[in-house]
PDB file of all heavy atoms in Angstrom:
ATOM      1  N   ASN A   1     -16.738  14.866 -12.824  1.00  0.00           N
ATOM      2  CA  ASN A   1     -15.460  14.202 -13.039  1.00  0.00           C
ATOM      3  C   ASN A   1     -15.478  12.792 -12.418  1.00  0.00           C
ATOM      4  O   ASN A   1     -15.337  12.611 -11.256  1.00  0.00           O
ATOM      5  CB  ASN A   1     -14.315  15.024 -12.404  1.00  0.00           C
ATOM      6  CG  ASN A   1     -12.927  14.350 -12.561  1.00  0.00           C
ATOM      7  OD1 ASN A   1     -12.803  13.322 -13.264  1.00  0.00           O
ATOM      8  ND2 ASN A   1     -11.978  14.928 -11.968  1.00  0.00           N
ATOM      9  N   PRO A   2     -15.660  11.761 -13.299  1.00  0.00           N
ATOM     10  CA  PRO A   2     -15.751  10.308 -12.780  1.00  0.00           C
ATOM     11  C   PRO A   2     -14.503   9.951 -11.974  1.00  0.00           C
ATOM     12  O   PRO A   2     -14.586   9.007 -11.190  1.00  0.00           O
ATOM     13  CB  PRO A   2     -15.905   9.591 -14.022  1.00  0.00           C
ATOM     14  CG  PRO A   2     -16.463  10.500 -15.079  1.00  0.00           C
ATOM     15  CD  PRO A   2     -15.863  11.837 -14.717  1.00  0.00           C
ATOM     16  N   ARG A   3     -13.396  10.602 -12.222  1.00  0.00           N
ATOM     17  CA  ARG A   3     -12.173  10.156 -11.429  1.00  0.00           C
ATOM     18  C   ARG A   3     -11.955  11.093 -10.260  1.00  0.00           C
ATOM     19  O   ARG A   3     -10.842  11.077  -9.669  1.00  0.00           O
ATOM     20  CB  ARG A   3     -10.940  10.247 -12.448  1.00  0.00           C
ATOM     21  CG  ARG A   3     -11.077   9.409 -13.650  1.00  0.00           C
ATOM     22  CD  ARG A   3      -9.855   9.462 -14.491  1.00  0.00           C
ATOM     23  NE  ARG A   3      -8.694   8.931 -13.928  1.00  0.00           N
ATOM     24  CZ  ARG A   3      -7.486   9.084 -14.488  1.00  0.00           C
ATOM     25  NH1 ARG A   3      -7.269   9.719 -15.530  1.00  0.00           N
ATOM     26  NH2 ARG A   3      -6.446   8.555 -13.815  1.00  0.00           N
ATOM     27  N   ALA A   4     -12.855  11.880  -9.923  1.00  0.00           N
ATOM     28  CA  ALA A   4     -12.692  12.820  -8.707  1.00  0.00           C
ATOM     29  C   ALA A   4     -12.561  12.040  -7.466  1.00  0.00           C
ATOM     30  O   ALA A   4     -12.928  10.854  -7.341  1.00  0.00           O
ATOM     31  CB  ALA A   4     -13.899  13.736  -8.678  1.00  0.00           C
ATOM     32  N   ILE A   5     -11.979  12.681  -6.450  1.00  0.00           N
ATOM     33  CA  ILE A   5     -11.724  12.116  -5.174  1.00  0.00           C
ATOM     34  C   ILE A   5     -12.566  12.806  -4.127  1.00  0.00           C
ATOM     35  O   ILE A   5     -12.502  14.023  -4.037  1.00  0.00           O
ATOM     36  CB  ILE A   5     -10.198  12.188  -4.751  1.00  0.00           C
ATOM     37  CG1 ILE A   5      -9.350  11.547  -5.815  1.00  0.00           C
ATOM     38  CG2 ILE A   5      -9.914  11.635  -3.386  1.00  0.00           C
ATOM     39  CD1 ILE A   5      -7.874  12.135  -5.767  1.00  0.00           C
ATOM     40  N   THR A   6     -13.315  12.072  -3.348  1.00  0.00           N
ATOM     41  CA  THR A   6     -14.083  12.710  -2.219  1.00  0.00           C
ATOM     42  C   THR A   6     -13.704  11.921  -0.958  1.00  0.00           C
ATOM     43  O   THR A   6     -13.639  10.662  -0.887  1.00  0.00           O
ATOM     44  CB  THR A   6     -15.591  12.671  -2.434  1.00  0.00           C
ATOM     45  OG1 THR A   6     -16.017  11.311  -2.584  1.00  0.00           O
ATOM     46  CG2 THR A   6     -15.971  13.486  -3.665  1.00  0.00           C
ATOM     47  N   ILE A   7     -13.431  12.690   0.093  1.00  0.00           N
ATOM     48  CA  ILE A   7     -12.979  12.141   1.375  1.00  0.00           C
ATOM     49  C   ILE A   7     -13.878  12.804   2.519  1.00  0.00           C
ATOM     50  O   ILE A   7     -14.072  13.962   2.522  1.00  0.00           O
ATOM     51  CB  ILE A   7     -11.491  12.483   1.648  1.00  0.00           C
ATOM     52  CG1 ILE A   7     -10.654  11.965   0.509  1.00  0.00           C
ATOM     53  CG2 ILE A   7     -11.069  11.826   2.942  1.00  0.00           C
ATOM     54  CD1 ILE A   7      -9.221  12.507   0.586  1.00  0.00           C
ATOM     55  N   ALA A   8     -14.348  11.934   3.422  1.00  0.00           N
ATOM     56  CA  ALA A   8     -15.150  12.402   4.465  1.00  0.00           C
ATOM     57  C   ALA A   8     -14.347  12.460   5.758  1.00  0.00           C
ATOM     58  O   ALA A   8     -13.732  11.447   6.216  1.00  0.00           O
ATOM     59  CB  ALA A   8     -16.336  11.486   4.706  1.00  0.00           C
ATOM     60  N   GLU A   9     -14.283  13.691   6.407  1.00  0.00           N
ATOM     61  CA  GLU A   9     -13.679  13.842   7.688  1.00  0.00           C
ATOM     62  C   GLU A   9     -14.821  13.539   8.677  1.00  0.00           C
ATOM     63  O   GLU A   9     -15.717  14.416   8.959  1.00  0.00           O
ATOM     64  CB  GLU A   9     -13.109  15.204   7.877  1.00  0.00           C
ATOM     65  CG  GLU A   9     -12.330  15.440   9.102  1.00  0.00           C
ATOM     66  CD  GLU A   9     -12.875  16.498  10.031  1.00  0.00           C
ATOM     67  OE1 GLU A   9     -13.890  17.132   9.791  1.00  0.00           O
ATOM     68  OE2 GLU A   9     -12.127  16.822  11.077  1.00  0.00           O
ATOM     69  N   GLU A  10     -14.781  12.354   9.279  1.00  0.00           N
ATOM     70  CA  GLU A  10     -15.887  11.931  10.136  1.00  0.00           C
ATOM     71  C   GLU A  10     -15.397  11.070  11.280  1.00  0.00           C
ATOM     72  O   GLU A  10     -14.630  10.084  11.063  1.00  0.00           O
ATOM     73  CB  GLU A  10     -16.866  11.175   9.234  1.00  0.00           C
ATOM     74  CG  GLU A  10     -18.366  11.162   9.739  1.00  0.00           C
ATOM     75  CD  GLU A  10     -18.572  10.140  10.794  1.00  0.00           C
ATOM     76  OE1 GLU A  10     -18.105   9.039  10.681  1.00  0.00           O
ATOM     77  OE2 GLU A  10     -19.292  10.422  11.726  1.00  0.00           O
ATOM     78  N   VAL A  11     -15.808  11.364  12.464  1.00  0.00           N
ATOM     79  CA  VAL A  11     -15.257  10.651  13.696  1.00  0.00           C
ATOM     80  C   VAL A  11     -16.217   9.582  14.298  1.00  0.00           C
ATOM     81  O   VAL A  11     -15.752   8.765  15.084  1.00  0.00           O
ATOM     82  CB  VAL A  11     -14.941  11.664  14.736  1.00  0.00           C
ATOM     83  CG1 VAL A  11     -13.880  12.676  14.222  1.00  0.00           C
ATOM     84  CG2 VAL A  11     -16.159  12.399  15.256  1.00  0.00           C
ATOM     85  N   SER A  12     -17.490   9.612  13.918  1.00  0.00           N
ATOM     86  CA  SER A  12     -18.411   8.643  14.556  1.00  0.00           C
ATOM     87  C   SER A  12     -18.297   7.221  14.083  1.00  0.00           C
ATOM     88  O   SER A  12     -18.643   6.263  14.723  1.00  0.00           O
ATOM     89  CB  SER A  12     -19.888   9.151  14.484  1.00  0.00           C
ATOM     90  OG  SER A  12     -20.369   8.918  13.180  1.00  0.00           O
ATOM     91  N   GLY A  13     -17.872   7.096  12.775  1.00  0.00           N
ATOM     92  CA  GLY A  13     -17.861   5.817  12.129  1.00  0.00           C
ATOM     93  C   GLY A  13     -19.143   5.377  11.489  1.00  0.00           C
ATOM     94  O   GLY A  13     -19.491   4.226  11.391  1.00  0.00           O
ATOM     95  N   MET A  14     -19.875   6.384  11.030  1.00  0.00           N
ATOM     96  CA  MET A  14     -21.229   6.128  10.373  1.00  0.00           C
ATOM     97  C   MET A  14     -21.001   5.077   9.274  1.00  0.00           C
ATOM     98  O   MET A  14     -20.226   5.304   8.310  1.00  0.00           O
ATOM     99  CB  MET A  14     -21.734   7.399   9.804  1.00  0.00           C
ATOM    100  CG  MET A  14     -22.969   7.204   8.904  1.00  0.00           C
ATOM    101  SD  MET A  14     -24.383   6.527   9.675  1.00  0.00           S
ATOM    102  CE  MET A  14     -25.087   7.938  10.474  1.00  0.00           C
ATOM    103  N   PRO A  15     -21.726   3.977   9.342  1.00  0.00           N
ATOM    104  CA  PRO A  15     -21.581   2.899   8.293  1.00  0.00           C
ATOM    105  C   PRO A  15     -22.059   3.396   6.983  1.00  0.00           C
ATOM    106  O   PRO A  15     -22.993   4.137   6.827  1.00  0.00           O
ATOM    107  CB  PRO A  15     -22.489   1.780   8.857  1.00  0.00           C
ATOM    108  CG  PRO A  15     -22.647   2.007  10.287  1.00  0.00           C
ATOM    109  CD  PRO A  15     -22.567   3.577  10.429  1.00  0.00           C
ATOM    110  N   GLY A  16     -21.351   2.957   5.879  1.00  0.00           N
ATOM    111  CA  GLY A  16     -21.768   3.238   4.561  1.00  0.00           C
ATOM    112  C   GLY A  16     -21.310   4.524   4.010  1.00  0.00           C
ATOM    113  O   GLY A  16     -21.574   4.910   2.833  1.00  0.00           O
ATOM    114  N   LEU A  17     -20.659   5.337   4.824  1.00  0.00           N
ATOM    115  CA  LEU A  17     -20.220   6.672   4.386  1.00  0.00           C
ATOM    116  C   LEU A  17     -19.354   6.558   3.181  1.00  0.00           C
ATOM    117  O   LEU A  17     -19.495   7.386   2.216  1.00  0.00           O
ATOM    118  CB  LEU A  17     -19.445   7.370   5.533  1.00  0.00           C
ATOM    119  CG  LEU A  17     -19.289   8.842   5.485  1.00  0.00           C
ATOM    120  CD1 LEU A  17     -20.614   9.660   5.501  1.00  0.00           C
ATOM    121  CD2 LEU A  17     -18.421   9.384   6.558  1.00  0.00           C
ATOM    122  N   ALA A  18     -18.457   5.684   3.155  1.00  0.00           N
ATOM    123  CA  ALA A  18     -17.524   5.526   2.010  1.00  0.00           C
ATOM    124  C   ALA A  18     -17.841   4.298   1.130  1.00  0.00           C
ATOM    125  O   ALA A  18     -16.996   3.684   0.575  1.00  0.00           O
ATOM    126  CB  ALA A  18     -16.083   5.411   2.490  1.00  0.00           C
ATOM    127  N   ALA A  19     -19.153   4.033   1.138  1.00  0.00           N
ATOM    128  CA  ALA A  19     -19.615   2.931   0.292  1.00  0.00           C
ATOM    129  C   ALA A  19     -20.290   3.539  -0.971  1.00  0.00           C
ATOM    130  O   ALA A  19     -20.849   4.649  -0.870  1.00  0.00           O
ATOM    131  CB  ALA A  19     -20.606   2.029   1.050  1.00  0.00           C
ATOM    132  N   PRO A  20     -20.265   2.839  -2.070  1.00  0.00           N
ATOM    133  CA  PRO A  20     -20.878   3.414  -3.303  1.00  0.00           C
ATOM    134  C   PRO A  20     -22.358   3.659  -3.149  1.00  0.00           C
ATOM    135  O   PRO A  20     -23.081   2.885  -2.456  1.00  0.00           O
ATOM    136  CB  PRO A  20     -20.613   2.342  -4.393  1.00  0.00           C
ATOM    137  CG  PRO A  20     -19.537   1.498  -3.798  1.00  0.00           C
ATOM    138  CD  PRO A  20     -19.713   1.518  -2.373  1.00  0.00           C
ATOM    139  N   PHE A  21     -22.790   4.618  -3.845  1.00  0.00           N
ATOM    140  CA  PHE A  21     -24.300   4.957  -3.740  1.00  0.00           C
ATOM    141  C   PHE A  21     -25.086   3.765  -4.275  1.00  0.00           C
ATOM    142  O   PHE A  21     -26.103   3.452  -3.705  1.00  0.00           O
ATOM    143  CB  PHE A  21     -24.523   6.181  -4.702  1.00  0.00           C
ATOM    144  CG  PHE A  21     -26.033   6.484  -4.875  1.00  0.00           C
ATOM    145  CD1 PHE A  21     -26.786   7.046  -3.779  1.00  0.00           C
ATOM    146  CD2 PHE A  21     -26.705   6.174  -6.045  1.00  0.00           C
ATOM    147  CE1 PHE A  21     -28.155   7.269  -3.944  1.00  0.00           C
ATOM    148  CE2 PHE A  21     -28.064   6.435  -6.191  1.00  0.00           C
ATOM    149  CZ  PHE A  21     -28.732   6.977  -5.199  1.00  0.00           C
ATOM    150  N   ILE A  22     -24.638   3.082  -5.336  1.00  0.00           N
ATOM    151  CA  ILE A  22     -25.375   1.976  -5.906  1.00  0.00           C
ATOM    152  C   ILE A  22     -25.503   0.790  -4.851  1.00  0.00           C
ATOM    153  O   ILE A  22     -26.336  -0.037  -4.982  1.00  0.00           O
ATOM    154  CB  ILE A  22     -24.691   1.454  -7.196  1.00  0.00           C
ATOM    155  CG1 ILE A  22     -25.587   0.533  -7.986  1.00  0.00           C
ATOM    156  CG2 ILE A  22     -23.399   0.759  -6.844  1.00  0.00           C
ATOM    157  CD1 ILE A  22     -25.163   0.173  -9.353  1.00  0.00           C
ATOM    158  N   ALA A  23     -24.598   0.797  -3.867  1.00  0.00           N
ATOM    159  CA  ALA A  23     -24.674  -0.182  -2.791  1.00  0.00           C
ATOM    160  C   ALA A  23     -25.393   0.241  -1.558  1.00  0.00           C
ATOM    161  O   ALA A  23     -25.356  -0.385  -0.492  1.00  0.00           O
ATOM    162  CB  ALA A  23     -23.277  -0.689  -2.479  1.00  0.00           C
ATOM    163  N   GLY A  24     -25.969   1.475  -1.674  1.00  0.00           N
ATOM    164  CA  GLY A  24     -26.806   2.007  -0.497  1.00  0.00           C
ATOM    165  C   GLY A  24     -25.906   2.954   0.336  1.00  0.00           C
ATOM    166  O   GLY A  24     -26.401   3.354   1.421  1.00  0.00           O
TER     167      GLY A  24
END
């Protein structure tokens, strides 16, 4: 589903977690 929503419950602040796959 291209319009799907994914959210990460994450406390460390890992960089890139919510960045597009194409951007690494």
